[in-house]
N, C-alpha and C. Protein backbone atom coordinates (compact mmCIF):
# COMPACT_ATOMS: atom_id res chain seq x y z
N MET A 1 239.99 88.46 156.61
CA MET A 1 241.07 89.24 157.18
C MET A 1 241.40 88.69 158.57
N PRO A 2 242.67 88.41 158.86
CA PRO A 2 243.01 87.82 160.15
C PRO A 2 242.82 88.81 161.29
N ALA A 3 242.56 88.26 162.48
CA ALA A 3 242.44 89.09 163.68
C ALA A 3 243.78 89.73 163.98
N VAL A 4 243.76 90.74 164.84
CA VAL A 4 244.99 91.47 165.18
C VAL A 4 246.05 90.54 165.75
N SER A 5 245.67 89.63 166.66
CA SER A 5 246.66 88.73 167.25
C SER A 5 247.23 87.78 166.20
N GLU A 6 246.39 87.33 165.25
CA GLU A 6 246.90 86.48 164.18
C GLU A 6 247.87 87.25 163.30
N HIS A 7 247.55 88.52 163.04
CA HIS A 7 248.43 89.35 162.22
C HIS A 7 249.78 89.52 162.91
N ARG A 8 249.77 89.78 164.23
CA ARG A 8 251.03 89.92 164.97
C ARG A 8 251.83 88.62 164.90
N PHE A 9 251.14 87.48 164.99
CA PHE A 9 251.82 86.19 164.91
C PHE A 9 252.46 86.02 163.54
N GLU A 10 251.71 86.38 162.47
CA GLU A 10 252.25 86.26 161.12
C GLU A 10 253.48 87.13 160.94
N VAL A 11 253.42 88.36 161.45
CA VAL A 11 254.56 89.27 161.36
C VAL A 11 255.74 88.69 162.12
N ARG A 12 255.49 88.15 163.32
CA ARG A 12 256.56 87.55 164.13
C ARG A 12 257.19 86.37 163.39
N CYS A 13 256.37 85.54 162.74
CA CYS A 13 256.90 84.40 161.97
C CYS A 13 257.81 84.87 160.85
N VAL A 14 257.37 85.89 160.13
CA VAL A 14 258.18 86.42 159.02
C VAL A 14 259.47 87.02 159.57
N GLU A 15 259.38 87.78 160.68
CA GLU A 15 260.59 88.37 161.27
C GLU A 15 261.55 87.28 161.73
N GLN A 16 261.03 86.22 162.37
CA GLN A 16 261.89 85.12 162.81
C GLN A 16 262.53 84.43 161.62
N LEU A 17 261.78 84.23 160.56
CA LEU A 17 262.32 83.60 159.36
C LEU A 17 263.44 84.45 158.77
N GLU A 18 263.22 85.76 158.69
CA GLU A 18 264.25 86.64 158.14
C GLU A 18 265.50 86.62 159.01
N TYR A 19 265.32 86.63 160.34
CA TYR A 19 266.45 86.58 161.26
C TYR A 19 267.22 85.26 161.10
N LYS A 20 266.50 84.15 161.09
CA LYS A 20 267.15 82.85 160.95
C LYS A 20 267.86 82.74 159.60
N SER A 21 267.28 83.34 158.58
CA SER A 21 267.92 83.33 157.27
C SER A 21 269.26 84.05 157.32
N ARG A 22 269.29 85.20 158.01
CA ARG A 22 270.55 85.94 158.13
C ARG A 22 271.58 85.16 158.94
N VAL A 23 271.14 84.54 160.04
CA VAL A 23 272.05 83.77 160.89
C VAL A 23 272.65 82.60 160.12
N LEU A 24 271.83 81.95 159.31
CA LEU A 24 272.28 80.77 158.60
C LEU A 24 272.93 81.09 157.25
N ALA A 25 273.02 82.35 156.90
CA ALA A 25 273.55 82.73 155.59
C ALA A 25 274.93 82.16 155.33
N GLY A 26 275.75 82.06 156.36
CA GLY A 26 277.09 81.50 156.19
C GLY A 26 277.10 80.04 155.81
N LEU A 27 275.99 79.34 156.03
CA LEU A 27 275.93 77.92 155.71
C LEU A 27 275.87 77.64 154.22
N THR A 28 275.58 78.65 153.42
CA THR A 28 275.41 78.40 152.00
C THR A 28 276.67 78.68 151.19
N GLU A 29 277.77 78.97 151.86
CA GLU A 29 279.03 79.17 151.14
C GLU A 29 279.36 77.89 150.38
N GLU A 30 279.99 78.04 149.26
CA GLU A 30 280.34 76.86 148.46
C GLU A 30 281.28 75.98 149.25
N LYS A 31 280.95 74.71 149.29
CA LYS A 31 281.78 73.74 150.00
C LYS A 31 282.61 72.97 148.98
N GLU A 32 283.52 72.15 149.50
CA GLU A 32 284.37 71.36 148.62
C GLU A 32 283.54 70.50 147.67
N HIS A 33 282.41 69.99 148.15
CA HIS A 33 281.59 69.10 147.33
C HIS A 33 280.46 69.83 146.60
N GLY A 34 280.43 71.14 146.62
CA GLY A 34 279.41 71.89 145.89
C GLY A 34 278.53 72.69 146.83
N MET A 35 277.46 73.22 146.28
CA MET A 35 276.55 74.07 147.05
C MET A 35 275.61 73.23 147.90
N ALA A 36 275.29 73.75 149.06
CA ALA A 36 274.31 73.10 149.93
C ALA A 36 272.92 73.40 149.39
N ASN A 37 271.98 72.51 149.65
CA ASN A 37 270.58 72.76 149.33
C ASN A 37 269.96 73.50 150.50
N VAL A 38 269.49 74.72 150.26
CA VAL A 38 268.86 75.52 151.29
C VAL A 38 267.36 75.39 151.11
N LYS A 39 266.64 75.25 152.22
CA LYS A 39 265.21 75.08 152.09
C LYS A 39 264.48 75.70 153.28
N LEU A 40 263.24 76.07 153.01
CA LEU A 40 262.31 76.49 154.03
C LEU A 40 261.45 75.27 154.33
N VAL A 41 261.36 74.90 155.60
CA VAL A 41 260.54 73.76 156.01
C VAL A 41 259.34 74.30 156.78
N VAL A 42 258.15 73.88 156.39
CA VAL A 42 256.92 74.28 157.06
C VAL A 42 256.26 73.02 157.59
N MET A 43 256.11 72.96 158.92
CA MET A 43 255.53 71.78 159.57
C MET A 43 254.15 72.15 160.12
N TYR A 44 253.11 71.51 159.56
CA TYR A 44 251.74 71.81 159.95
C TYR A 44 251.28 70.84 161.04
N PRO A 45 250.83 71.36 162.20
CA PRO A 45 250.26 70.47 163.22
C PRO A 45 249.02 69.75 162.68
N ARG A 46 248.70 68.64 163.30
CA ARG A 46 247.53 67.86 162.89
C ARG A 46 246.30 68.77 162.92
N PRO A 47 245.59 68.90 161.79
CA PRO A 47 244.44 69.81 161.74
C PRO A 47 243.24 69.27 162.51
N LYS A 48 242.36 70.18 162.88
CA LYS A 48 241.13 69.79 163.58
C LYS A 48 240.23 68.97 162.66
N ASP A 49 240.16 69.36 161.38
CA ASP A 49 239.36 68.65 160.38
C ASP A 49 240.27 68.37 159.18
N ILE A 50 240.74 67.14 159.07
CA ILE A 50 241.71 66.77 158.04
C ILE A 50 241.15 66.98 156.63
N ASP A 51 239.90 66.58 156.40
CA ASP A 51 239.31 66.73 155.05
C ASP A 51 239.23 68.20 154.65
N ALA A 52 238.80 69.06 155.57
CA ALA A 52 238.71 70.49 155.27
C ALA A 52 240.10 71.07 155.01
N PHE A 53 241.08 70.67 155.83
CA PHE A 53 242.45 71.16 155.64
C PHE A 53 242.98 70.74 154.27
N GLU A 54 242.81 69.46 153.92
CA GLU A 54 243.31 68.96 152.64
C GLU A 54 242.70 69.71 151.46
N LYS A 55 241.41 70.00 151.55
CA LYS A 55 240.74 70.72 150.46
C LYS A 55 241.37 72.11 150.28
N ILE A 56 241.55 72.83 151.37
CA ILE A 56 242.15 74.17 151.30
C ILE A 56 243.62 74.07 150.89
N TYR A 57 244.33 73.11 151.46
CA TYR A 57 245.76 72.96 151.17
C TYR A 57 245.99 72.69 149.68
N GLN A 58 245.24 71.71 149.14
CA GLN A 58 245.43 71.31 147.74
C GLN A 58 244.88 72.34 146.75
N ASN A 59 243.71 72.90 147.04
CA ASN A 59 243.04 73.78 146.08
C ASN A 59 243.44 75.25 146.18
N GLU A 60 243.91 75.68 147.35
CA GLU A 60 244.27 77.09 147.52
C GLU A 60 245.75 77.28 147.80
N HIS A 61 246.25 76.59 148.83
CA HIS A 61 247.59 76.90 149.30
C HIS A 61 248.69 76.45 148.34
N VAL A 62 248.62 75.24 147.86
CA VAL A 62 249.66 74.76 146.93
C VAL A 62 249.73 75.64 145.68
N PRO A 63 248.60 75.92 145.02
CA PRO A 63 248.69 76.82 143.85
C PRO A 63 249.24 78.21 144.21
N LEU A 64 248.86 78.73 145.37
CA LEU A 64 249.36 80.03 145.81
C LEU A 64 250.87 79.98 146.01
N ALA A 65 251.35 78.94 146.69
CA ALA A 65 252.80 78.80 146.93
C ALA A 65 253.56 78.66 145.61
N VAL A 66 253.04 77.87 144.70
CA VAL A 66 253.71 77.69 143.40
C VAL A 66 253.80 79.03 142.67
N GLU A 67 252.73 79.80 142.73
CA GLU A 67 252.71 81.09 142.02
C GLU A 67 253.56 82.16 142.71
N LYS A 68 253.51 82.23 144.04
CA LYS A 68 254.06 83.38 144.76
C LYS A 68 255.49 83.22 145.26
N LEU A 69 255.97 82.00 145.46
CA LEU A 69 257.30 81.82 146.06
C LEU A 69 258.38 81.91 144.99
N GLU A 70 258.82 83.13 144.73
CA GLU A 70 259.84 83.40 143.72
C GLU A 70 261.19 82.80 144.13
N GLY A 71 261.90 82.27 143.17
CA GLY A 71 263.24 81.75 143.42
C GLY A 71 263.28 80.31 143.88
N LYS A 72 262.12 79.70 144.07
CA LYS A 72 262.11 78.29 144.50
C LYS A 72 262.60 77.42 143.36
N THR A 73 263.24 76.30 143.71
CA THR A 73 263.68 75.36 142.69
C THR A 73 262.90 74.05 142.76
N LYS A 74 262.31 73.79 143.93
CA LYS A 74 261.59 72.53 144.10
C LYS A 74 260.72 72.65 145.35
N ILE A 75 259.57 72.00 145.32
CA ILE A 75 258.72 71.89 146.51
C ILE A 75 258.46 70.41 146.74
N VAL A 76 258.68 69.96 147.97
CA VAL A 76 258.37 68.59 148.36
C VAL A 76 257.31 68.67 149.45
N ALA A 77 256.14 68.08 149.19
CA ALA A 77 255.04 68.09 150.15
C ALA A 77 254.86 66.66 150.67
N THR A 78 254.97 66.51 151.98
CA THR A 78 254.87 65.20 152.61
C THR A 78 253.66 65.16 153.52
N LYS A 79 252.87 64.08 153.40
CA LYS A 79 251.75 63.85 154.31
C LYS A 79 252.18 62.75 155.29
N ILE A 80 252.08 63.04 156.57
CA ILE A 80 252.48 62.07 157.60
C ILE A 80 251.31 61.11 157.82
N LEU A 81 251.56 59.83 157.62
CA LEU A 81 250.50 58.83 157.73
C LEU A 81 250.37 58.22 159.12
N ALA A 82 251.50 57.96 159.76
CA ALA A 82 251.45 57.28 161.06
C ALA A 82 252.78 57.45 161.77
N SER A 83 252.80 57.05 163.03
CA SER A 83 254.02 57.03 163.82
C SER A 83 253.94 55.86 164.78
N PRO A 84 255.06 55.16 164.99
CA PRO A 84 255.03 54.07 165.97
C PRO A 84 254.83 54.59 167.40
N GLN A 85 254.90 55.90 167.59
CA GLN A 85 254.73 56.52 168.91
C GLN A 85 253.31 57.02 169.14
N GLY A 86 252.38 56.66 168.26
CA GLY A 86 251.00 57.11 168.41
C GLY A 86 250.64 58.14 167.35
N THR A 87 249.67 58.97 167.66
CA THR A 87 249.23 59.99 166.71
C THR A 87 250.35 60.99 166.46
N PRO A 88 250.76 61.17 165.21
CA PRO A 88 251.84 62.11 164.93
C PRO A 88 251.41 63.55 165.25
N PRO A 89 252.31 64.36 165.81
CA PRO A 89 251.96 65.74 166.13
C PRO A 89 251.86 66.63 164.89
N PHE A 90 252.49 66.19 163.79
CA PHE A 90 252.45 66.96 162.56
C PHE A 90 251.73 66.15 161.49
N TYR A 91 250.99 66.87 160.64
CA TYR A 91 250.21 66.21 159.59
C TYR A 91 250.87 66.35 158.22
N ARG A 92 251.40 67.54 157.93
CA ARG A 92 252.08 67.79 156.66
C ARG A 92 253.37 68.52 156.93
N ILE A 93 254.35 68.21 156.09
CA ILE A 93 255.63 68.92 156.11
C ILE A 93 255.92 69.33 154.67
N ALA A 94 256.10 70.62 154.46
CA ALA A 94 256.42 71.14 153.13
C ALA A 94 257.86 71.63 153.15
N GLU A 95 258.61 71.29 152.11
CA GLU A 95 259.99 71.75 151.97
C GLU A 95 260.08 72.53 150.66
N ILE A 96 260.49 73.78 150.77
CA ILE A 96 260.62 74.64 149.59
C ILE A 96 262.10 74.94 149.42
N TYR A 97 262.67 74.48 148.33
CA TYR A 97 264.11 74.58 148.07
C TYR A 97 264.44 75.85 147.30
N PHE A 98 265.64 76.39 147.60
CA PHE A 98 266.16 77.57 146.92
C PHE A 98 267.61 77.33 146.56
N ARG A 99 268.11 78.03 145.54
CA ARG A 99 269.51 77.90 145.12
C ARG A 99 270.47 78.43 146.18
N SER A 100 270.02 79.44 146.92
CA SER A 100 270.91 80.08 147.89
C SER A 100 270.10 80.67 149.03
N MET A 101 270.80 80.99 150.10
CA MET A 101 270.16 81.66 151.22
C MET A 101 269.65 83.03 150.78
N ALA A 102 270.40 83.69 149.90
CA ALA A 102 269.98 85.00 149.40
C ALA A 102 268.64 84.89 148.67
N ASP A 103 268.44 83.83 147.88
CA ASP A 103 267.17 83.64 147.18
C ASP A 103 266.04 83.39 148.18
N LEU A 104 266.29 82.59 149.22
CA LEU A 104 265.29 82.32 150.24
C LEU A 104 264.93 83.62 150.97
N GLU A 105 265.94 84.40 151.36
CA GLU A 105 265.71 85.65 152.06
C GLU A 105 264.91 86.63 151.20
N LYS A 106 265.26 86.72 149.93
CA LYS A 106 264.55 87.62 149.02
C LYS A 106 263.09 87.20 148.92
N CYS A 107 262.84 85.91 148.81
CA CYS A 107 261.47 85.40 148.72
C CYS A 107 260.71 85.72 150.01
N ALA A 108 261.30 85.44 151.17
CA ALA A 108 260.62 85.65 152.45
C ALA A 108 260.33 87.13 152.69
N ALA A 109 261.16 88.01 152.18
CA ALA A 109 260.98 89.44 152.39
C ALA A 109 260.01 90.08 151.40
N SER A 110 259.70 89.37 150.31
CA SER A 110 258.82 89.94 149.28
C SER A 110 257.36 89.92 149.74
N ASP A 111 256.56 90.78 149.14
CA ASP A 111 255.13 90.80 149.45
C ASP A 111 254.47 89.46 149.11
N ASP A 112 254.86 88.87 147.98
CA ASP A 112 254.29 87.57 147.60
C ASP A 112 254.69 86.47 148.59
N GLY A 113 255.96 86.48 149.02
CA GLY A 113 256.41 85.50 150.00
C GLY A 113 255.68 85.66 151.32
N LYS A 114 255.50 86.90 151.77
CA LYS A 114 254.77 87.16 153.03
C LYS A 114 253.32 86.70 152.90
N GLU A 115 252.74 86.90 151.73
CA GLU A 115 251.36 86.46 151.51
C GLU A 115 251.25 84.94 151.62
N ALA A 116 252.19 84.22 151.02
CA ALA A 116 252.17 82.75 151.08
C ALA A 116 252.38 82.25 152.50
N LEU A 117 253.31 82.89 153.25
CA LEU A 117 253.56 82.48 154.63
C LEU A 117 252.34 82.77 155.51
N ALA A 118 251.72 83.93 155.31
CA ALA A 118 250.52 84.28 156.08
C ALA A 118 249.38 83.30 155.78
N HIS A 119 249.28 82.87 154.53
CA HIS A 119 248.24 81.91 154.16
C HIS A 119 248.49 80.57 154.84
N ALA A 120 249.75 80.18 154.95
CA ALA A 120 250.09 78.92 155.64
C ALA A 120 249.62 78.99 157.09
N VAL A 121 249.81 80.13 157.73
CA VAL A 121 249.38 80.31 159.12
C VAL A 121 247.85 80.26 159.18
N MET A 122 247.19 80.93 158.26
CA MET A 122 245.74 81.02 158.26
C MET A 122 245.06 79.65 158.12
N ILE A 123 245.60 78.78 157.29
CA ILE A 123 244.93 77.50 157.03
C ILE A 123 245.25 76.44 158.08
N SER A 124 246.22 76.68 158.93
CA SER A 124 246.67 75.68 159.89
C SER A 124 245.75 75.63 161.11
N SER A 125 244.71 74.82 161.03
CA SER A 125 243.67 74.77 162.07
C SER A 125 244.10 74.03 163.34
N GLY A 126 245.21 73.30 163.29
CA GLY A 126 245.66 72.56 164.46
C GLY A 126 246.64 73.35 165.33
N GLY A 127 246.86 74.59 164.98
CA GLY A 127 247.82 75.44 165.68
C GLY A 127 248.76 76.04 164.66
N PRO A 128 249.59 76.97 165.08
CA PRO A 128 250.48 77.62 164.12
C PRO A 128 251.51 76.65 163.55
N PRO A 129 251.80 76.77 162.26
CA PRO A 129 252.84 75.90 161.70
C PRO A 129 254.21 76.33 162.21
N ILE A 130 255.13 75.40 162.15
CA ILE A 130 256.53 75.66 162.52
C ILE A 130 257.27 75.99 161.22
N PHE A 131 258.01 77.10 161.22
CA PHE A 131 258.83 77.49 160.07
C PHE A 131 260.29 77.29 160.44
N LEU A 132 261.03 76.57 159.59
CA LEU A 132 262.45 76.33 159.81
C LEU A 132 263.22 76.66 158.54
N VAL A 133 264.42 77.17 158.70
CA VAL A 133 265.33 77.35 157.57
C VAL A 133 266.41 76.29 157.76
N ALA A 134 266.65 75.51 156.72
CA ALA A 134 267.54 74.36 156.86
C ALA A 134 268.50 74.24 155.69
N GLU A 135 269.57 73.54 155.93
CA GLU A 135 270.53 73.18 154.90
C GLU A 135 270.49 71.66 154.80
N GLU A 136 270.36 71.17 153.60
CA GLU A 136 270.26 69.73 153.39
C GLU A 136 271.55 69.19 152.79
N GLU A 137 272.03 68.11 153.35
CA GLU A 137 273.16 67.39 152.79
C GLU A 137 272.64 66.00 152.43
N THR A 138 272.83 65.59 151.22
CA THR A 138 272.27 64.33 150.73
C THR A 138 273.37 63.35 150.40
N SER A 139 273.17 62.11 150.83
CA SER A 139 274.03 61.00 150.43
C SER A 139 273.15 60.00 149.70
N THR A 140 273.58 59.56 148.55
CA THR A 140 272.82 58.59 147.77
C THR A 140 273.61 57.28 147.75
N PHE A 141 272.91 56.18 148.01
CA PHE A 141 273.55 54.88 148.08
C PHE A 141 272.97 53.97 147.02
N GLY A 142 273.85 53.23 146.37
CA GLY A 142 273.42 52.27 145.38
C GLY A 142 272.97 51.00 146.06
N HIS A 143 272.38 50.12 145.30
CA HIS A 143 271.93 48.83 145.82
C HIS A 143 273.15 48.00 146.20
N THR A 144 273.16 47.47 147.40
CA THR A 144 274.28 46.67 147.89
C THR A 144 273.94 45.20 147.73
N ALA A 145 274.89 44.41 147.25
CA ALA A 145 274.67 42.99 147.06
C ALA A 145 274.23 42.36 148.37
N GLY A 146 273.19 41.54 148.30
CA GLY A 146 272.69 40.84 149.48
C GLY A 146 271.66 41.66 150.26
N ALA A 147 271.52 42.91 149.97
CA ALA A 147 270.55 43.75 150.68
C ALA A 147 269.19 43.63 150.00
N SER A 148 268.16 43.56 150.79
CA SER A 148 266.82 43.52 150.23
C SER A 148 266.16 44.87 150.46
N VAL A 149 265.45 45.30 149.43
CA VAL A 149 264.78 46.61 149.53
C VAL A 149 263.30 46.44 149.40
């Protein structure tokens, strides 16, 4: 069970997420080129013990997120390996996609969504994770003659 200050932090994170979701709700209106991809981005600071974090992340958190985050359409989990600027401040970045801002808001407000967000805070030994609500615009480029990949 988290300490009182951790619980207040978790509640504040959920409240901020809900507020940001409402503010950004207008971004999900249908555009000329179709619907925007709405996602929750969770950025985990570099953990104190990477092996311990990975064990909990892979064995507990990912299965919990898959089970509890209703309305998700895709999860992209990225592990940061290096940075030309030295030790990266973040170790993992998770992106959870939803069809609409309404689906993201419903998930964040649900008991299961709050449980998954609280678990993300609990396992983040390098400091509290950063939660962002984002809209993704994607451009795909074909192979260009003369370009090497």
